[in-house]
């Protein structure tokens, strides 16, 4: 089966939440992304970042978002 289609990735992040898309599972940071495909399906990715360092995990998450060409969309909430 040939799958030649463009993947559209949109990342939503709330202001003040620097750890969006990240979670710590027993000391290892993971990244969770959802890709929206042109055929109106979604693909959920859960990727181990293979690090225990939060700063390194944030950089790896940002690299993954850049790899999938995500457009960041701020949530429609104000920080009080």
Protein backbone atom coordinates (compact mmCIF):
# COMPACT_ATOMS: atom_id res chain seq x y z
CA UNK A 1 0.00 0.00 0.00
CA UNK A 2 1.43 3.33 -1.07
CA UNK A 3 0.95 6.22 1.35
CA UNK A 4 2.10 9.48 -0.18
CA UNK A 5 0.36 12.19 1.78
CA UNK A 6 1.26 15.21 3.81
CA UNK A 7 1.02 15.00 7.59
CA UNK A 8 -0.40 18.05 9.29
CA UNK A 9 0.69 18.56 12.87
CA UNK A 10 -0.65 21.29 15.09
CA UNK A 11 0.58 21.77 18.63
CA UNK A 12 -1.56 23.50 21.21
CA UNK A 13 0.23 24.88 24.25
CA UNK A 14 -1.01 26.90 27.18
CA UNK A 15 1.04 29.86 28.20
CA UNK A 16 3.04 29.01 31.29
CA UNK A 17 3.14 25.25 30.65
CA UNK A 18 6.69 24.59 29.49
CA UNK A 19 6.15 20.82 29.88
CA UNK A 20 3.24 20.50 27.45
CA UNK A 21 3.45 17.17 25.57
CA UNK A 22 5.87 15.79 28.20
CA UNK A 23 5.39 13.32 31.02
CA UNK A 24 7.73 11.53 33.36
CA UNK A 25 7.35 7.75 33.50
CA UNK A 26 9.47 6.25 36.28
CA UNK A 27 12.27 8.77 35.78
CA UNK A 28 12.31 8.78 31.95
CA UNK A 29 10.73 11.64 30.03
CA UNK A 30 8.30 10.84 27.20
CA UNK A 31 6.67 12.98 24.54
CA UNK A 32 3.07 12.56 23.35
CA UNK A 33 2.06 13.99 19.96
CA UNK A 34 -1.08 13.65 17.86
CA UNK A 35 -0.75 13.94 14.09
CA UNK A 36 -3.80 14.83 12.00
CA UNK A 37 -3.65 13.14 8.62
CA UNK A 38 -5.25 14.44 5.39
CA UNK A 39 -7.66 11.49 5.30
CA UNK A 40 -9.22 12.86 8.53
CA UNK A 41 -7.62 10.21 10.74
CA UNK A 42 -5.18 10.80 13.56
CA UNK A 43 -2.00 9.08 14.61
CA UNK A 44 -0.95 9.26 18.24
CA UNK A 45 2.76 9.06 18.92
CA UNK A 46 4.25 8.33 22.30
CA UNK A 47 8.01 8.56 22.10
CA UNK A 48 10.58 7.93 24.81
CA UNK A 49 13.04 10.80 24.98
CA UNK A 50 15.50 8.50 26.78
CA UNK A 51 16.54 11.13 29.29
CA UNK A 52 15.99 11.89 32.95
CA UNK A 53 16.88 15.58 32.48
CA UNK A 54 13.85 17.86 32.10
CA UNK A 55 15.74 20.55 30.17
CA UNK A 56 17.05 17.95 27.70
CA UNK A 57 13.51 16.55 27.36
CA UNK A 58 12.16 20.01 26.49
CA UNK A 59 14.82 20.45 23.80
CA UNK A 60 14.09 17.00 22.35
CA UNK A 61 10.35 17.72 22.38
CA UNK A 62 10.95 20.98 20.53
CA UNK A 63 13.09 19.13 17.99
CA UNK A 64 10.32 16.57 17.45
CA UNK A 65 7.77 19.32 16.93
CA UNK A 66 10.10 20.98 14.40
CA UNK A 67 10.65 17.64 12.68
CA UNK A 68 6.91 17.26 12.15
CA UNK A 69 6.63 20.95 11.15
CA UNK A 70 4.15 21.77 13.87
CA UNK A 71 2.50 25.13 13.93
CA UNK A 72 2.18 26.24 17.53
CA UNK A 73 -1.26 27.50 18.46
CA UNK A 74 -1.57 29.16 21.83
CA UNK A 75 -4.65 28.15 23.80
CA UNK A 76 -7.36 30.77 24.10
CA UNK A 77 -6.75 31.40 27.78
CA UNK A 78 -5.08 34.25 29.54
CA UNK A 79 -2.56 33.77 32.28
CA UNK A 80 -3.64 35.55 35.44
